[in-house]
Amino acid sequence: MKKYSVKLYQHNDFENWNSFIGKAKNATFLFHRDFMDYHSDRFQDYSLIVLDKEKWVAVLPANVVGNEVFSHQGLTYGGLVYNESLKLASVIEVFCLFWMKIELKNCN
C-alpha cells in the first residue's frame, strides 16, 4: 500500500492540472481547468488532487454546495481521473482516499 496524500486544488495548480489531464488515462477536454473555470461564478470548486510524494496520480473534479461534495456539477460527466500507469489496486486506494476526504468535509 502506497502512502498517498490528498490536497485541495488551488489556482496555482492550474498548469500542473492541465498537464496531468493531457496525459491522463481517462480524461477529456471537459476536465481542463480552462473549461471548468468557465463555471467558477456558479460553482464553488472543491477539486481534489492525489499525490505520491510530488507526483500527481489522480484528480477528482468536484464542487461543494454547503457541506455536500459533488462530482463537478458544471460538467456533463465527471469522476476519478488517473494517470496512465495507475493499476486497479491503486485506483481503489485513491478512490478510498477521496471518499475519506469527502466524508470529513460532509461531517463539518
PDB file of N, CA and C in Angstrom:
ATOM      1  N   MET A   1       0.836  -1.180   0.000  1.00  0.00           N
ATOM      2  CA  MET A   1       0.000   0.000   0.000  1.00  0.00           C
ATOM      3  C   MET A   1       0.883   1.247   0.000  1.00  0.00           C
ATOM      4  N   LYS A   2       0.642   2.141  -0.953  1.00  0.00           N
ATOM      5  CA  LYS A   2       1.445   3.357  -1.047  1.00  0.00           C
ATOM      6  C   LYS A   2       0.954   4.414  -0.073  1.00  0.00           C
ATOM      7  N   LYS A   3       1.786   5.379   0.173  1.00  0.00           N
ATOM      8  CA  LYS A   3       1.445   6.497   1.046  1.00  0.00           C
ATOM      9  C   LYS A   3       1.115   7.697   0.170  1.00  0.00           C
ATOM     10  N   TYR A   4      -0.155   7.860  -0.148  1.00  0.00           N
ATOM     11  CA  TYR A   4      -0.608   8.986  -0.953  1.00  0.00           C
ATOM     12  C   TYR A   4      -1.070  10.115  -0.047  1.00  0.00           C
ATOM     13  N   SER A   5      -1.068  11.318  -0.596  1.00  0.00           N
ATOM     14  CA  SER A   5      -1.658  12.452   0.111  1.00  0.00           C
ATOM     15  C   SER A   5      -2.702  13.098  -0.798  1.00  0.00           C
ATOM     16  N   VAL A   6      -3.662  13.746  -0.180  1.00  0.00           N
ATOM     17  CA  VAL A   6      -4.739  14.418  -0.913  1.00  0.00           C
ATOM     18  C   VAL A   6      -4.666  15.895  -0.597  1.00  0.00           C
ATOM     19  N   LYS A   7      -4.777  16.707  -1.643  1.00  0.00           N
ATOM     20  CA  LYS A   7      -4.814  18.153  -1.416  1.00  0.00           C
ATOM     21  C   LYS A   7      -5.923  18.771  -2.250  1.00  0.00           C
ATOM     22  N   LEU A   8      -6.405  19.892  -1.785  1.00  0.00           N
ATOM     23  CA  LEU A   8      -7.426  20.651  -2.478  1.00  0.00           C
ATOM     24  C   LEU A   8      -6.776  21.459  -3.600  1.00  0.00           C
ATOM     25  N   TYR A   9      -7.416  21.481  -4.763  1.00  0.00           N
ATOM     26  CA  TYR A   9      -6.916  22.264  -5.890  1.00  0.00           C
ATOM     27  C   TYR A   9      -6.837  23.738  -5.512  1.00  0.00           C
ATOM     28  N   GLN A  10      -5.746  24.378  -5.878  1.00  0.00           N
ATOM     29  CA  GLN A  10      -5.559  25.823  -5.727  1.00  0.00           C
ATOM     30  C   GLN A  10      -5.272  26.411  -7.110  1.00  0.00           C
ATOM     31  N   HIS A  11      -5.551  27.677  -7.293  1.00  0.00           N
ATOM     32  CA  HIS A  11      -5.362  28.272  -8.614  1.00  0.00           C
ATOM     33  C   HIS A  11      -3.921  28.129  -9.121  1.00  0.00           C
ATOM     34  N   ASN A  12      -2.947  28.116  -8.223  1.00  0.00           N
ATOM     35  CA  ASN A  12      -1.549  27.959  -8.675  1.00  0.00           C
ATOM     36  C   ASN A  12      -1.257  26.542  -9.173  1.00  0.00           C
ATOM     37  N   ASP A  13      -2.227  25.615  -9.071  1.00  0.00           N
ATOM     38  CA  ASP A  13      -2.094  24.269  -9.635  1.00  0.00           C
ATOM     39  C   ASP A  13      -2.581  24.195 -11.081  1.00  0.00           C
ATOM     40  N   PHE A  14      -3.038  25.304 -11.632  1.00  0.00           N
ATOM     41  CA  PHE A  14      -3.667  25.359 -12.951  1.00  0.00           C
ATOM     42  C   PHE A  14      -2.850  24.646 -14.033  1.00  0.00           C
ATOM     43  N   GLU A  15      -1.598  25.031 -14.189  1.00  0.00           N
ATOM     44  CA  GLU A  15      -0.770  24.446 -15.251  1.00  0.00           C
ATOM     45  C   GLU A  15      -0.503  22.961 -15.009  1.00  0.00           C
ATOM     46  N   ASN A  16      -0.212  22.584 -13.763  1.00  0.00           N
ATOM     47  CA  ASN A  16       0.017  21.170 -13.449  1.00  0.00           C
ATOM     48  C   ASN A  16      -1.248  20.347 -13.679  1.00  0.00           C
ATOM     49  N   TRP A  17      -2.401  20.919 -13.317  1.00  0.00           N
ATOM     50  CA  TRP A  17      -3.675  20.226 -13.534  1.00  0.00           C
ATOM     51  C   TRP A  17      -3.858  19.937 -15.024  1.00  0.00           C
ATOM     52  N   ASN A  18      -3.724  20.967 -15.854  1.00  0.00           N
ATOM     53  CA  ASN A  18      -3.932  20.779 -17.299  1.00  0.00           C
ATOM     54  C   ASN A  18      -2.898  19.827 -17.899  1.00  0.00           C
ATOM     55  N   SER A  19      -1.678  19.886 -17.417  1.00  0.00           N
ATOM     56  CA  SER A  19      -0.648  18.962 -17.885  1.00  0.00           C
ATOM     57  C   SER A  19      -1.017  17.530 -17.523  1.00  0.00           C
ATOM     58  N   PHE A  20      -1.487  17.326 -16.295  1.00  0.00           N
ATOM     59  CA  PHE A  20      -1.904  15.998 -15.858  1.00  0.00           C
ATOM     60  C   PHE A  20      -3.075  15.498 -16.703  1.00  0.00           C
ATOM     61  N   ILE A  21      -4.055  16.337 -16.919  1.00  0.00           N
ATOM     62  CA  ILE A  21      -5.236  15.951 -17.713  1.00  0.00           C
ATOM     63  C   ILE A  21      -4.810  15.578 -19.130  1.00  0.00           C
ATOM     64  N   GLY A  22      -3.836  16.276 -19.680  1.00  0.00           N
ATOM     65  CA  GLY A  22      -3.354  15.992 -21.032  1.00  0.00           C
ATOM     66  C   GLY A  22      -2.739  14.608 -21.180  1.00  0.00           C
ATOM     67  N   LYS A  23      -2.278  14.017 -20.069  1.00  0.00           N
ATOM     68  CA  LYS A  23      -1.627  12.704 -20.116  1.00  0.00           C
ATOM     69  C   LYS A  23      -2.459  11.611 -19.440  1.00  0.00           C
ATOM     70  N   ALA A  24      -3.543  11.963 -18.811  1.00  0.00           N
ATOM     71  CA  ALA A  24      -4.323  11.000 -18.027  1.00  0.00           C
ATOM     72  C   ALA A  24      -4.964   9.939 -18.905  1.00  0.00           C
ATOM     73  N   LYS A  25      -5.156   8.783 -18.300  1.00  0.00           N
ATOM     74  CA  LYS A  25      -5.697   7.615 -18.990  1.00  0.00           C
ATOM     75  C   LYS A  25      -7.142   7.833 -19.434  1.00  0.00           C
ATOM     76  N   ASN A  26      -7.936   8.538 -18.654  1.00  0.00           N
ATOM     77  CA  ASN A  26      -9.368   8.611 -18.905  1.00  0.00           C
ATOM     78  C   ASN A  26      -9.922  10.039 -18.892  1.00  0.00           C
ATOM     79  N   ALA A  27      -9.127  11.003 -19.335  1.00  0.00           N
ATOM     80  CA  ALA A  27      -9.562  12.401 -19.313  1.00  0.00           C
ATOM     81  C   ALA A  27     -10.038  12.865 -20.688  1.00  0.00           C
ATOM     82  N   THR A  28     -10.859  13.905 -20.661  1.00  0.00           N
ATOM     83  CA  THR A  28     -11.282  14.590 -21.883  1.00  0.00           C
ATOM     84  C   THR A  28     -11.116  16.089 -21.672  1.00  0.00           C
ATOM     85  N   PHE A  29     -11.414  16.863 -22.695  1.00  0.00           N
ATOM     86  CA  PHE A  29     -11.293  18.321 -22.602  1.00  0.00           C
ATOM     87  C   PHE A  29     -12.165  18.893 -21.487  1.00  0.00           C
ATOM     88  N   LEU A  30     -13.215  18.189 -21.103  1.00  0.00           N
ATOM     89  CA  LEU A  30     -14.112  18.681 -20.050  1.00  0.00           C
ATOM     90  C   LEU A  30     -13.380  18.918 -18.738  1.00  0.00           C
ATOM     91  N   PHE A  31     -12.285  18.190 -18.518  1.00  0.00           N
ATOM     92  CA  PHE A  31     -11.581  18.273 -17.246  1.00  0.00           C
ATOM     93  C   PHE A  31     -10.459  19.305 -17.243  1.00  0.00           C
ATOM     94  N   HIS A  32     -10.218  19.981 -18.376  1.00  0.00           N
ATOM     95  CA  HIS A  32      -9.228  21.063 -18.395  1.00  0.00           C
ATOM     96  C   HIS A  32      -9.754  22.228 -17.573  1.00  0.00           C
ATOM     97  N   ARG A  33      -8.867  22.862 -16.840  1.00  0.00           N
ATOM     98  CA  ARG A  33      -9.278  23.982 -15.992  1.00  0.00           C
ATOM     99  C   ARG A  33      -9.848  25.121 -16.826  1.00  0.00           C
ATOM    100  N   ASP A  34      -9.396  25.287 -18.067  1.00  0.00           N
ATOM    101  CA  ASP A  34      -9.941  26.337 -18.925  1.00  0.00           C
ATOM    102  C   ASP A  34     -11.462  26.161 -19.050  1.00  0.00           C
ATOM    103  N   PHE A  35     -11.893  24.927 -19.220  1.00  0.00           N
ATOM    104  CA  PHE A  35     -13.312  24.620 -19.354  1.00  0.00           C
ATOM    105  C   PHE A  35     -14.013  24.697 -18.000  1.00  0.00           C
ATOM    106  N   MET A  36     -13.416  24.089 -16.990  1.00  0.00           N
ATOM    107  CA  MET A  36     -14.041  24.056 -15.664  1.00  0.00           C
ATOM    108  C   MET A  36     -14.168  25.445 -15.047  1.00  0.00           C
ATOM    109  N   ASP A  37     -13.164  26.275 -15.231  1.00  0.00           N
ATOM    110  CA  ASP A  37     -13.183  27.599 -14.615  1.00  0.00           C
ATOM    111  C   ASP A  37     -14.213  28.532 -15.248  1.00  0.00           C
ATOM    112  N   TYR A  38     -14.731  28.161 -16.397  1.00  0.00           N
ATOM    113  CA  TYR A  38     -15.824  28.908 -17.015  1.00  0.00           C
ATOM    114  C   TYR A  38     -17.019  28.980 -16.061  1.00  0.00           C
ATOM    115  N   HIS A  39     -17.156  27.960 -15.224  1.00  0.00           N
ATOM    116  CA  HIS A  39     -18.286  27.866 -14.300  1.00  0.00           C
ATOM    117  C   HIS A  39     -17.958  28.399 -12.907  1.00  0.00           C
ATOM    118  N   SER A  40     -16.815  29.030 -12.743  1.00  0.00           N
ATOM    119  CA  SER A  40     -16.360  29.391 -11.398  1.00  0.00           C
ATOM    120  C   SER A  40     -17.300  30.366 -10.688  1.00  0.00           C
ATOM    121  N   ASP A  41     -18.103  31.107 -11.429  1.00  0.00           N
ATOM    122  CA  ASP A  41     -19.044  32.025 -10.796  1.00  0.00           C
ATOM    123  C   ASP A  41     -20.292  31.309 -10.280  1.00  0.00           C
ATOM    124  N   ARG A  42     -20.537  30.072 -10.741  1.00  0.00           N
ATOM    125  CA  ARG A  42     -21.735  29.330 -10.340  1.00  0.00           C
ATOM    126  C   ARG A  42     -21.457  28.163  -9.406  1.00  0.00           C
ATOM    127  N   PHE A  43     -20.210  27.682  -9.370  1.00  0.00           N
ATOM    128  CA  PHE A  43     -19.876  26.510  -8.572  1.00  0.00           C
ATOM    129  C   PHE A  43     -18.645  26.788  -7.720  1.00  0.00           C
ATOM    130  N   GLN A  44     -18.734  26.459  -6.432  1.00  0.00           N
ATOM    131  CA  GLN A  44     -17.564  26.594  -5.558  1.00  0.00           C
ATOM    132  C   GLN A  44     -16.705  25.348  -5.745  1.00  0.00           C
ATOM    133  N   ASP A  45     -15.532  25.544  -6.292  1.00  0.00           N
ATOM    134  CA  ASP A  45     -14.667  24.417  -6.621  1.00  0.00           C
ATOM    135  C   ASP A  45     -14.209  23.686  -5.360  1.00  0.00           C
ATOM    136  N   TYR A  46     -14.186  22.360  -5.458  1.00  0.00           N
ATOM    137  CA  TYR A  46     -13.654  21.517  -4.387  1.00  0.00           C
ATOM    138  C   TYR A  46     -12.909  20.346  -5.023  1.00  0.00           C
ATOM    139  N   SER A  47     -12.207  20.642  -6.123  1.00  0.00           N
ATOM    140  CA  SER A  47     -11.463  19.596  -6.827  1.00  0.00           C
ATOM    141  C   SER A  47     -10.299  19.121  -5.967  1.00  0.00           C
ATOM    142  N   LEU A  48     -10.041  17.816  -6.050  1.00  0.00           N
ATOM    143  CA  LEU A  48      -9.015  17.192  -5.232  1.00  0.00           C
ATOM    144  C   LEU A  48      -7.905  16.603  -6.093  1.00  0.00           C
ATOM    145  N   ILE A  49      -6.716  16.582  -5.528  1.00  0.00           N
ATOM    146  CA  ILE A  49      -5.519  16.059  -6.199  1.00  0.00           C
ATOM    147  C   ILE A  49      -4.887  15.022  -5.269  1.00  0.00           C
ATOM    148  N   VAL A  50      -4.522  13.867  -5.830  1.00  0.00           N
ATOM    149  CA  VAL A  50      -3.801  12.851  -5.064  1.00  0.00           C
ATOM    150  C   VAL A  50      -2.359  12.828  -5.542  1.00  0.00           C
ATOM    151  N   LEU A  51      -1.454  12.864  -4.576  1.00  0.00           N
ATOM    152  CA  LEU A  51      -0.023  12.881  -4.866  1.00  0.00           C
ATOM    153  C   LEU A  51       0.665  11.665  -4.260  1.00  0.00           C
ATOM    154  N   ASP A  52       1.638  11.164  -5.000  1.00  0.00           N
ATOM    155  CA  ASP A  52       2.586  10.180  -4.482  1.00  0.00           C
ATOM    156  C   ASP A  52       3.888  10.955  -4.340  1.00  0.00           C
ATOM    157  N   LYS A  53       4.153  11.436  -3.147  1.00  0.00           N
ATOM    158  CA  LYS A  53       5.203  12.423  -2.887  1.00  0.00           C
ATOM    159  C   LYS A  53       4.849  13.677  -3.678  1.00  0.00           C
ATOM    160  N   GLU A  54       5.584  14.022  -4.733  1.00  0.00           N
ATOM    161  CA  GLU A  54       5.284  15.203  -5.546  1.00  0.00           C
ATOM    162  C   GLU A  54       4.580  14.861  -6.862  1.00  0.00           C
ATOM    163  N   LYS A  55       4.499  13.571  -7.166  1.00  0.00           N
ATOM    164  CA  LYS A  55       3.931  13.142  -8.449  1.00  0.00           C
ATOM    165  C   LYS A  55       2.402  13.062  -8.369  1.00  0.00           C
ATOM    166  N   TRP A  56       1.748  13.691  -9.344  1.00  0.00           N
ATOM    167  CA  TRP A  56       0.297  13.634  -9.425  1.00  0.00           C
ATOM    168  C   TRP A  56      -0.111  12.253  -9.931  1.00  0.00           C
ATOM    169  N   VAL A  57      -1.045  11.609  -9.232  1.00  0.00           N
ATOM    170  CA  VAL A  57      -1.511  10.295  -9.666  1.00  0.00           C
ATOM    171  C   VAL A  57      -2.992  10.282 -10.005  1.00  0.00           C
ATOM    172  N   ALA A  58      -3.755  11.222  -9.453  1.00  0.00           N
ATOM    173  CA  ALA A  58      -5.189  11.265  -9.750  1.00  0.00           C
ATOM    174  C   ALA A  58      -5.759  12.624  -9.367  1.00  0.00           C
ATOM    175  N   VAL A  59      -6.884  12.956  -9.996  1.00  0.00           N
ATOM    176  CA  VAL A  59      -7.630  14.157  -9.634  1.00  0.00           C
ATOM    177  C   VAL A  59      -9.115  13.812  -9.625  1.00  0.00           C
ATOM    178  N   LEU A  60      -9.859  14.589  -8.863  1.00  0.00           N
ATOM    179  CA  LEU A  60     -11.309  14.478  -8.848  1.00  0.00           C
ATOM    180  C   LEU A  60     -11.888  15.870  -9.062  1.00  0.00           C
ATOM    181  N   PRO A  61     -12.367  16.167 -10.271  1.00  0.00           N
ATOM    182  CA  PRO A  61     -13.034  17.445 -10.492  1.00  0.00           C
ATOM    183  C   PRO A  61     -14.308  17.467  -9.646  1.00  0.00           C
ATOM    184  N   ALA A  62     -14.424  18.446  -8.764  1.00  0.00           N
ATOM    185  CA  ALA A  62     -15.554  18.460  -7.837  1.00  0.00           C
ATOM    186  C   ALA A  62     -15.930  19.887  -7.467  1.00  0.00           C
ATOM    187  N   ASN A  63     -17.140  20.011  -6.938  1.00  0.00           N
ATOM    188  CA  ASN A  63     -17.581  21.275  -6.364  1.00  0.00           C
ATOM    189  C   ASN A  63     -18.311  20.968  -5.069  1.00  0.00           C
ATOM    190  N   VAL A  64     -18.527  22.011  -4.282  1.00  0.00           N
ATOM    191  CA  VAL A  64     -19.177  21.850  -2.988  1.00  0.00           C
ATOM    192  C   VAL A  64     -20.361  22.810  -2.903  1.00  0.00           C
ATOM    193  N   VAL A  65     -21.445  22.312  -2.320  1.00  0.00           N
ATOM    194  CA  VAL A  65     -22.622  23.126  -2.014  1.00  0.00           C
ATOM    195  C   VAL A  65     -22.923  22.883  -0.541  1.00  0.00           C
ATOM    196  N   GLY A  66     -22.739  23.905   0.269  1.00  0.00           N
ATOM    197  CA  GLY A  66     -22.863  23.711   1.711  1.00  0.00           C
ATOM    198  C   GLY A  66     -21.792  22.748   2.170  1.00  0.00           C
ATOM    199  N   ASN A  67     -22.201  21.630   2.759  1.00  0.00           N
ATOM    200  CA  ASN A  67     -21.256  20.606   3.191  1.00  0.00           C
ATOM    201  C   ASN A  67     -21.261  19.391   2.288  1.00  0.00           C
ATOM    202  N   GLU A  68     -21.950  19.467   1.151  1.00  0.00           N
ATOM    203  CA  GLU A  68     -22.010  18.331   0.240  1.00  0.00           C
ATOM    204  C   GLU A  68     -21.053  18.515  -0.930  1.00  0.00           C
ATOM    205  N   VAL A  69     -20.283  17.461  -1.200  1.00  0.00           N
ATOM    206  CA  VAL A  69     -19.332  17.471  -2.304  1.00  0.00           C
ATOM    207  C   VAL A  69     -19.928  16.688  -3.471  1.00  0.00           C
ATOM    208  N   PHE A  70     -19.792  17.251  -4.682  1.00  0.00           N
ATOM    209  CA  PHE A  70     -20.334  16.640  -5.889  1.00  0.00           C
ATOM    210  C   PHE A  70     -19.236  16.466  -6.922  1.00  0.00           C
ATOM    211  N   SER A  71     -19.317  15.377  -7.696  1.00  0.00           N
ATOM    212  CA  SER A  71     -18.509  15.310  -8.906  1.00  0.00           C
ATOM    213  C   SER A  71     -18.972  16.512  -9.713  1.00  0.00           C
ATOM    214  N   HIS A  72     -18.073  17.321 -10.201  1.00  0.00           N
ATOM    215  CA  HIS A  72     -18.360  18.693 -10.641  1.00  0.00           C
ATOM    216  C   HIS A  72     -19.666  18.819 -11.417  1.00  0.00           C
ATOM    217  N   GLN A  73     -20.585  19.611 -10.865  1.00  0.00           N
ATOM    218  CA  GLN A  73     -21.916  19.772 -11.449  1.00  0.00           C
ATOM    219  C   GLN A  73     -21.936  20.643 -12.700  1.00  0.00           C
ATOM    220  N   GLY A  74     -20.841  21.309 -12.988  1.00  0.00           N
ATOM    221  CA  GLY A  74     -20.772  22.127 -14.193  1.00  0.00           C
ATOM    222  C   GLY A  74     -20.319  21.338 -15.416  1.00  0.00           C
ATOM    223  N   LEU A  75     -20.049  20.053 -15.229  1.00  0.00           N
ATOM    224  CA  LEU A  75     -19.565  19.207 -16.320  1.00  0.00           C
ATOM    225  C   LEU A  75     -20.640  18.216 -16.747  1.00  0.00           C
ATOM    226  N   THR A  76     -20.561  17.755 -17.962  1.00  0.00           N
ATOM    227  CA  THR A  76     -21.505  16.767 -18.468  1.00  0.00           C
ATOM    228  C   THR A  76     -21.402  15.473 -17.690  1.00  0.00           C
ATOM    229  N   TYR A  77     -20.199  15.090 -17.334  1.00  0.00           N
ATOM    230  CA  TYR A  77     -19.941  13.910 -16.507  1.00  0.00           C
ATOM    231  C   TYR A  77     -18.633  14.141 -15.780  1.00  0.00           C
ATOM    232  N   GLY A  78     -18.342  13.316 -14.804  1.00  0.00           N
ATOM    233  CA  GLY A  78     -17.116  13.514 -14.032  1.00  0.00           C
ATOM    234  C   GLY A  78     -16.609  12.207 -13.482  1.00  0.00           C
ATOM    235  N   GLY A  79     -15.985  12.301 -12.340  1.00  0.00           N
ATOM    236  CA  GLY A  79     -15.441  11.122 -11.693  1.00  0.00           C
ATOM    237  C   GLY A  79     -13.939  11.190 -11.569  1.00  0.00           C
ATOM    238  N   LEU A  80     -13.395  10.118 -11.069  1.00  0.00           N
ATOM    239  CA  LEU A  80     -11.966   9.993 -10.835  1.00  0.00           C
ATOM    240  C   LEU A  80     -11.197   9.970 -12.153  1.00  0.00           C
ATOM    241  N   VAL A  81     -10.157  10.786 -12.235  1.00  0.00           N
ATOM    242  CA  VAL A  81      -9.273  10.825 -13.407  1.00  0.00           C
ATOM    243  C   VAL A  81      -7.884  10.441 -12.905  1.00  0.00           C
ATOM    244  N   TYR A  82      -7.248   9.472 -13.573  1.00  0.00           N
ATOM    245  CA  TYR A  82      -5.974   8.984 -13.059  1.00  0.00           C
ATOM    246  C   TYR A  82      -4.934   8.845 -14.161  1.00  0.00           C
ATOM    247  N   ASN A  83      -3.668   8.770 -13.724  1.00  0.00           N
ATOM    248  CA  ASN A  83      -2.570   8.731 -14.693  1.00  0.00           C
ATOM    249  C   ASN A  83      -2.504   7.385 -15.415  1.00  0.00           C
ATOM    250  N   GLU A  84      -1.714   7.360 -16.465  1.00  0.00           N
ATOM    251  CA  GLU A  84      -1.653   6.205 -17.366  1.00  0.00           C
ATOM    252  C   GLU A  84      -1.070   4.952 -16.731  1.00  0.00           C
ATOM    253  N   SER A  85      -0.346   5.080 -15.631  1.00  0.00           N
ATOM    254  CA  SER A  85       0.315   3.909 -15.055  1.00  0.00           C
ATOM    255  C   SER A  85      -0.378   3.359 -13.802  1.00  0.00           C
ATOM    256  N   LEU A  86      -1.447   3.999 -13.348  1.00  0.00           N
ATOM    257  CA  LEU A  86      -2.108   3.553 -12.127  1.00  0.00           C
ATOM    258  C   LEU A  86      -2.852   2.239 -12.367  1.00  0.00           C
ATOM    259  N   LYS A  87      -2.606   1.263 -11.531  1.00  0.00           N
ATOM    260  CA  LYS A  87      -3.225  -0.058 -11.624  1.00  0.00           C
ATOM    261  C   LYS A  87      -4.450  -0.123 -10.713  1.00  0.00           C
ATOM    262  N   LEU A  88      -5.267  -1.152 -10.897  1.00  0.00           N
ATOM    263  CA  LEU A  88      -6.543  -1.262 -10.197  1.00  0.00           C
ATOM    264  C   LEU A  88      -6.418  -1.130  -8.684  1.00  0.00           C
ATOM    265  N   ALA A  89      -5.477  -1.798  -8.069  1.00  0.00           N
ATOM    266  CA  ALA A  89      -5.329  -1.736  -6.612  1.00  0.00           C
ATOM    267  C   ALA A  89      -5.079  -0.292  -6.156  1.00  0.00           C
ATOM    268  N   SER A  90      -4.285   0.442  -6.910  1.00  0.00           N
ATOM    269  CA  SER A  90      -4.009   1.839  -6.570  1.00  0.00           C
ATOM    270  C   SER A  90      -5.215   2.726  -6.847  1.00  0.00           C
ATOM    271  N   VAL A  91      -5.947   2.443  -7.903  1.00  0.00           N
ATOM    272  CA  VAL A  91      -7.163   3.209  -8.204  1.00  0.00           C
ATOM    273  C   VAL A  91      -8.148   3.067  -7.039  1.00  0.00           C
ATOM    274  N   ILE A  92      -8.301   1.861  -6.525  1.00  0.00           N
ATOM    275  CA  ILE A  92      -9.203   1.626  -5.390  1.00  0.00           C
ATOM    276  C   ILE A  92      -8.718   2.381  -4.158  1.00  0.00           C
ATOM    277  N   GLU A  93      -7.422   2.351  -3.920  1.00  0.00           N
ATOM    278  CA  GLU A  93      -6.852   3.070  -2.776  1.00  0.00           C
ATOM    279  C   GLU A  93      -7.084   4.575  -2.911  1.00  0.00           C
ATOM    280  N   VAL A  94      -6.867   5.103  -4.102  1.00  0.00           N
ATOM    281  CA  VAL A  94      -7.082   6.533  -4.359  1.00  0.00           C
ATOM    282  C   VAL A  94      -8.554   6.888  -4.162  1.00  0.00           C
ATOM    283  N   PHE A  95      -9.438   6.057  -4.680  1.00  0.00           N
ATOM    284  CA  PHE A  95     -10.874   6.291  -4.523  1.00  0.00           C
ATOM    285  C   PHE A  95     -11.241   6.346  -3.039  1.00  0.00           C
ATOM    286  N   CYS A  96     -10.688   5.440  -2.252  1.00  0.00           N
ATOM    287  CA  CYS A  96     -10.951   5.430  -0.813  1.00  0.00           C
ATOM    288  C   CYS A  96     -10.440   6.701  -0.136  1.00  0.00           C
ATOM    289  N   LEU A  97      -9.283   7.189  -0.560  1.00  0.00           N
ATOM    290  CA  LEU A  97      -8.759   8.450  -0.008  1.00  0.00           C
ATOM    291  C   LEU A  97      -9.699   9.607  -0.317  1.00  0.00           C
ATOM    292  N   PHE A  98     -10.184   9.685  -1.552  1.00  0.00           N
ATOM    293  CA  PHE A  98     -11.144  10.725  -1.909  1.00  0.00           C
ATOM    294  C   PHE A  98     -12.393  10.606  -1.045  1.00  0.00           C
ATOM    295  N   TRP A  99     -12.869   9.388  -0.889  1.00  0.00           N
ATOM    296  CA  TRP A  99     -14.078   9.153  -0.111  1.00  0.00           C
ATOM    297  C   TRP A  99     -13.896   9.645   1.325  1.00  0.00           C
ATOM    298  N   MET A 100     -12.741   9.330   1.933  1.00  0.00           N
ATOM    299  CA  MET A 100     -12.482   9.776   3.303  1.00  0.00           C
ATOM    300  C   MET A 100     -12.438  11.296   3.380  1.00  0.00           C
ATOM    301  N   LYS A 101     -11.794  11.934   2.428  1.00  0.00           N
ATOM    302  CA  LYS A 101     -11.709  13.405   2.419  1.00  0.00           C
ATOM    303  C   LYS A 101     -13.095  14.012   2.270  1.00  0.00           C
ATOM    304  N   ILE A 102     -13.910  13.430   1.405  1.00  0.00           N
ATOM    305  CA  ILE A 102     -15.257  13.950   1.186  1.00  0.00           C
ATOM    306  C   ILE A 102     -16.127  13.703   2.417  1.00  0.00           C
ATOM    307  N   GLU A 103     -16.021  12.553   3.027  1.00  0.00           N
ATOM    308  CA  GLU A 103     -16.787  12.253   4.236  1.00  0.00           C
ATOM    309  C   GLU A 103     -16.427  13.230   5.349  1.00  0.00           C
ATOM    310  N   LEU A 104     -15.143  13.558   5.498  1.00  0.00           N
ATOM    311  CA  LEU A 104     -14.740  14.521   6.513  1.00  0.00           C
ATOM    312  C   LEU A 104     -15.356  15.877   6.232  1.00  0.00           C
ATOM    313  N   LYS A 105     -15.391  16.277   4.961  1.00  0.00           N
ATOM    314  CA  LYS A 105     -15.996  17.543   4.581  1.00  0.00           C
ATOM    315  C   LYS A 105     -17.479  17.532   4.928  1.00  0.00           C
ATOM    316  N   ASN A 106     -18.156  16.419   4.659  1.00  0.00           N
ATOM    317  CA  ASN A 106     -19.581  16.322   4.904  1.00  0.00           C
ATOM    318  C   ASN A 106     -19.923  16.288   6.396  1.00  0.00           C
ATOM    319  N   CYS A 107     -18.956  15.966   7.237  1.00  0.00           N
ATOM    320  CA  CYS A 107     -19.186  15.913   8.681  1.00  0.00           C
ATOM    321  C   CYS A 107     -18.990  17.264   9.335  1.00  0.00           C
ATOM    322  N   ASN A 108     -18.361  18.196   8.664  1.00  0.00           N
ATOM    323  CA  ASN A 108     -18.072  19.512   9.268  1.00  0.00           C
ATOM    324  C   ASN A 108     -19.238  20.457   9.117  1.00  0.00           C
TER     325      ASN A 108
END
